[in-house]
Amino acid sequence: MPTRVAIVTNPSHDIATEYLYSWSQQIVANVISQSISFDLHELKGNNVTKENLTKLIEEKNPHLILFHGHGGNNRIFGFKTNILIACDDNEGLLINKIVHSLTCDSGEILGPKCISIGTKAFIGYQKEFKFAHLWGKTDGQRQTDVLAGMFLGPAFEVNKAILEGNTVELAYQRSQQMYVNNLQMLLTSPNPTVSKVYASGLYHDMVNQVALGNRNSSF
């Protein structure tokens, strides 16, 4: 069986991307612990640039790309303001790939454009990706942040499901179900840390998560 190849971007330059980085490490470690085999290439910190991403995609020809960071409706950012992928520029790099863009807004214009030119599937958010947290300072604190987990758990369930070899459809459904479960928890929990005041933000993420393209495709 051919080796499955994945690329992940983790710029980790502010509190939001530091949380995404910490959760990314945790999810990948969890999948690897299940003896699931794949070839993973990670761009981190100030190495998350358009030039480095282009080179890596051209060299490794990945089946899956996981973007973690900031975005706009027609672009995905890497380290700080470095644009990795943009409409009418280099979206062709994503042809024949499965993409999960854990960024704000990129599912609105960039996602559909990618599908129109041949990206297999694009999972992302068509509006801002919202999440709350408890200002964790270390990987461990961020990974066990119960408030952040309400938002990041469903988002990263996509990564987990796809890396396990499931279809895009199942990954999306697992994520959506976790959103529902977490909403119910927020609305009923007596714990003030995870109170219902955060429910609107979580609901916003749930309804703005999109799965475009071939939902039967898998990594």
Protein backbone atom coordinates (compact mmCIF):
# COMPACT_ATOMS: atom_id res chain seq x y z
CA MET A 1 0.00 0.00 0.00
CA PRO A 2 1.46 3.41 -0.95
CA THR A 3 2.60 5.58 1.93
CA ARG A 4 0.04 8.20 2.85
CA VAL A 5 1.58 11.67 3.05
CA ALA A 6 0.26 14.59 5.11
CA ILE A 7 1.48 18.15 5.61
CA VAL A 8 0.52 20.25 8.63
CA THR A 9 1.18 23.96 9.18
CA ASN A 10 1.63 25.28 12.73
CA PRO A 11 2.83 28.91 12.73
CA SER A 12 2.41 29.26 16.53
CA HIS A 13 3.09 33.01 16.76
CA ASP A 14 0.22 34.24 18.98
CA ILE A 15 -2.15 32.85 21.61
CA ALA A 16 -4.62 31.47 19.06
CA THR A 17 -2.02 29.69 16.92
CA GLU A 18 -0.20 28.45 20.04
CA TYR A 19 -3.40 26.68 21.08
CA LEU A 20 -3.79 25.20 17.59
CA TYR A 21 -0.17 24.01 17.69
CA SER A 22 -0.59 22.32 21.08
CA TRP A 23 -3.79 20.58 20.04
CA SER A 24 -2.25 19.52 16.73
CA GLN A 25 0.63 17.80 18.54
CA GLN A 26 -1.81 16.00 20.82
CA ILE A 27 -4.06 14.74 18.01
CA VAL A 28 -1.18 13.50 15.87
CA ALA A 29 0.38 11.70 18.86
CA ASN A 30 -2.98 10.10 19.64
CA VAL A 31 -3.39 8.79 16.10
CA ILE A 32 0.19 7.51 15.91
CA SER A 33 -0.31 5.69 19.23
CA GLN A 34 -3.00 3.63 17.48
CA SER A 35 -0.27 2.30 15.13
CA ILE A 36 -1.81 4.17 12.20
CA SER A 37 0.95 4.74 9.67
CA PHE A 38 1.45 7.85 7.57
CA ASP A 39 4.28 10.14 6.52
CA LEU A 40 3.85 13.51 8.27
CA HIS A 41 5.70 16.70 7.37
CA GLU A 42 5.23 19.72 9.63
CA LEU A 43 6.03 23.37 9.02
CA LYS A 44 6.38 25.23 12.32
CA GLY A 45 6.87 28.78 13.52
CA ASN A 46 8.58 31.18 11.15
CA ASN A 47 9.12 28.34 8.66
CA VAL A 48 5.41 28.48 7.74
CA THR A 49 5.91 30.54 4.59
CA LYS A 50 4.56 30.35 1.07
CA GLU A 51 7.98 29.46 -0.28
CA ASN A 52 8.50 26.57 2.15
CA LEU A 53 4.97 25.25 1.69
CA THR A 54 5.26 25.33 -2.09
CA LYS A 55 8.56 23.47 -1.98
CA LEU A 56 7.22 20.85 0.42
CA ILE A 57 4.07 20.20 -1.61
CA GLU A 58 6.04 19.90 -4.84
CA GLU A 59 8.56 17.51 -3.23
CA LYS A 60 6.20 15.31 -1.21
CA ASN A 61 2.94 15.45 -3.23
CA PRO A 62 0.78 15.03 -0.10
CA HIS A 63 -2.66 13.45 -0.04
CA LEU A 64 -3.76 15.61 2.91
CA ILE A 65 -2.95 19.16 4.07
CA LEU A 66 -3.96 20.43 7.50
CA PHE A 67 -3.77 24.20 7.86
CA HIS A 68 -3.77 25.66 11.38
CA GLY A 69 -3.69 29.43 11.69
CA HIS A 70 -5.41 32.58 10.55
CA GLY A 71 -7.27 33.16 7.33
CA GLY A 72 -9.55 35.33 5.23
CA ASN A 73 -12.37 34.43 2.88
CA ASN A 74 -9.97 34.06 -0.05
CA ARG A 75 -6.69 33.15 1.65
CA ILE A 76 -4.87 31.15 4.31
CA PHE A 77 -2.09 32.68 6.39
CA GLY A 78 1.08 31.13 7.74
CA PHE A 79 3.56 32.80 10.08
CA LYS A 80 2.20 36.25 10.99
CA THR A 81 1.06 37.94 7.75
CA ASN A 82 2.69 35.50 5.33
CA ILE A 83 0.03 34.36 2.84
CA LEU A 84 0.30 30.63 2.12
CA ILE A 85 -2.57 30.11 -0.31
CA ALA A 86 -4.70 32.74 -2.07
CA CYS A 87 -7.40 32.76 -4.71
CA ASP A 88 -6.22 33.54 -8.23
CA ASP A 89 -2.63 32.99 -7.15
CA ASN A 90 -1.48 29.52 -6.06
CA GLU A 91 -4.60 27.57 -5.12
CA GLY A 92 -3.55 25.08 -7.81
CA LEU A 93 -1.16 23.62 -5.21
CA LEU A 94 -4.22 22.04 -3.58
CA ILE A 95 -5.43 20.13 -6.66
CA ASN A 96 -6.09 16.44 -5.86
CA LYS A 97 -5.61 17.09 -2.14
CA ILE A 98 -7.89 16.74 0.86
CA VAL A 99 -7.68 19.99 2.83
CA HIS A 100 -8.75 20.89 6.35
CA SER A 101 -8.40 24.62 6.86
CA LEU A 102 -8.73 25.38 10.56
CA THR A 103 -8.73 29.10 9.91
CA CYS A 104 -11.27 31.90 9.83
CA ASP A 105 -13.41 32.48 6.74
CA SER A 106 -11.45 30.42 4.18
CA GLY A 107 -14.39 28.11 3.48
CA GLU A 108 -16.39 31.00 2.01
CA ILE A 109 -14.53 31.82 -1.23
CA LEU A 110 -11.22 29.93 -1.24
CA GLY A 111 -12.82 26.56 -0.47
CA PRO A 112 -15.34 26.62 -3.35
CA LYS A 113 -12.65 27.96 -5.72
CA CYS A 114 -10.34 25.08 -4.80
CA ILE A 115 -13.08 22.52 -5.41
CA SER A 116 -13.85 24.09 -8.80
CA ILE A 117 -10.27 23.53 -9.99
CA GLY A 118 -9.85 19.99 -8.67
CA THR A 119 -9.21 19.89 -4.93
CA LYS A 120 -10.71 16.60 -3.72
CA ALA A 121 -12.34 17.97 -0.58
CA PHE A 122 -12.12 21.10 1.53
CA ILE A 123 -13.30 21.26 5.14
CA GLY A 124 -13.24 24.65 6.77
CA TYR A 125 -15.21 27.57 8.13
CA GLN A 126 -17.08 30.07 5.97
CA LYS A 127 -17.06 32.66 8.75
CA GLU A 128 -14.80 33.47 11.70
CA PHE A 129 -13.67 30.46 13.73
CA LYS A 130 -14.45 31.41 17.32
CA PHE A 131 -13.03 29.87 20.45
CA ALA A 132 -12.53 30.77 24.08
CA HIS A 133 -9.73 29.62 26.38
CA LEU A 134 -8.17 29.99 29.81
CA TRP A 135 -4.86 31.48 28.65
CA GLY A 136 -2.77 28.33 28.97
CA LYS A 137 0.97 28.99 28.94
CA THR A 138 2.30 25.50 28.17
CA ASP A 139 1.34 22.69 25.80
CA GLY A 140 -0.06 20.72 28.72
CA GLN A 141 -2.15 23.61 30.00
CA ARG A 142 -3.53 24.31 26.55
CA GLN A 143 -4.26 20.65 25.82
CA THR A 144 -6.19 20.23 29.08
CA ASP A 145 -7.97 23.59 28.92
CA VAL A 146 -11.60 22.52 29.42
CA LEU A 147 -13.01 25.70 27.91
CA ALA A 148 -10.82 25.61 24.82
CA GLY A 149 -11.71 21.95 24.46
CA MET A 150 -15.36 22.84 23.91
CA PHE A 151 -14.32 24.59 20.69
CA LEU A 152 -11.13 22.82 19.63
CA GLY A 153 -12.34 19.29 20.34
CA PRO A 154 -14.91 19.30 17.49
CA ALA A 155 -12.54 21.14 15.12
CA PHE A 156 -9.68 18.71 15.66
CA GLU A 157 -12.01 15.73 15.47
CA VAL A 158 -11.82 16.29 11.71
CA ASN A 159 -8.04 15.79 11.76
CA LYS A 160 -8.34 12.74 13.97
CA ALA A 161 -10.99 11.06 11.84
CA ILE A 162 -9.25 11.73 8.53
CA LEU A 163 -5.82 10.62 9.77
CA GLU A 164 -7.47 7.40 10.94
CA GLY A 165 -8.48 6.78 7.32
CA ASN A 166 -12.14 7.71 7.51
CA THR A 167 -14.01 9.54 4.77
CA VAL A 168 -14.45 13.30 4.73
CA GLU A 169 -18.16 12.71 5.28
CA LEU A 170 -17.58 10.70 8.46
CA ALA A 171 -15.00 13.23 9.71
CA TYR A 172 -17.48 16.05 9.19
CA GLN A 173 -20.32 14.14 10.87
CA ARG A 174 -18.14 13.23 13.86
CA SER A 175 -17.16 16.87 14.24
CA GLN A 176 -20.75 18.09 13.94
CA GLN A 177 -21.94 15.56 16.52
CA MET A 178 -19.25 16.70 18.93
CA TYR A 179 -20.40 20.27 18.45
CA VAL A 180 -23.94 19.19 19.38
CA ASN A 181 -22.71 17.28 22.43
CA ASN A 182 -20.59 20.19 23.61
CA LEU A 183 -23.44 22.64 23.12
CA GLN A 184 -25.65 20.49 25.31
CA MET A 185 -22.90 20.37 27.92
CA LEU A 186 -22.44 24.16 27.87
CA LEU A 187 -26.15 24.76 28.25
CA THR A 188 -26.56 22.41 31.22
CA SER A 189 -23.24 22.43 33.06
CA PRO A 190 -23.13 23.98 36.55
CA ASN A 191 -19.41 24.62 36.04
CA PRO A 192 -18.96 28.41 35.57
CA THR A 193 -15.84 27.80 33.47
CA VAL A 194 -17.96 26.19 30.74
CA SER A 195 -21.12 28.24 31.17
CA LYS A 196 -23.81 28.83 28.58
CA VAL A 197 -22.45 32.29 27.78
CA TYR A 198 -20.08 30.53 25.36
CA ALA A 199 -22.83 28.62 23.58
CA SER A 200 -23.45 31.24 20.89
CA GLY A 201 -19.81 31.14 19.80
CA LEU A 202 -19.80 27.36 19.66
CA TYR A 203 -23.06 27.30 17.70
CA HIS A 204 -21.56 29.85 15.29
CA ASP A 205 -18.64 27.48 14.58
CA MET A 206 -20.94 24.50 14.11
CA VAL A 207 -23.21 26.12 11.53
CA ASN A 208 -20.32 27.73 9.65
CA GLN A 209 -18.27 24.55 9.29
CA VAL A 210 -18.47 23.30 5.69
CA ALA A 211 -17.37 20.13 3.92
CA LEU A 212 -17.02 20.76 0.20
CA GLY A 213 -16.18 18.49 -2.71
CA ASN A 214 -16.06 14.70 -2.65
CA ARG A 215 -17.19 13.71 0.81
CA ASN A 216 -16.47 10.04 0.04
CA SER A 217 -12.76 10.74 -0.38
CA SER A 218 -10.36 9.54 2.28
CA PHE A 219 -6.69 9.90 3.21
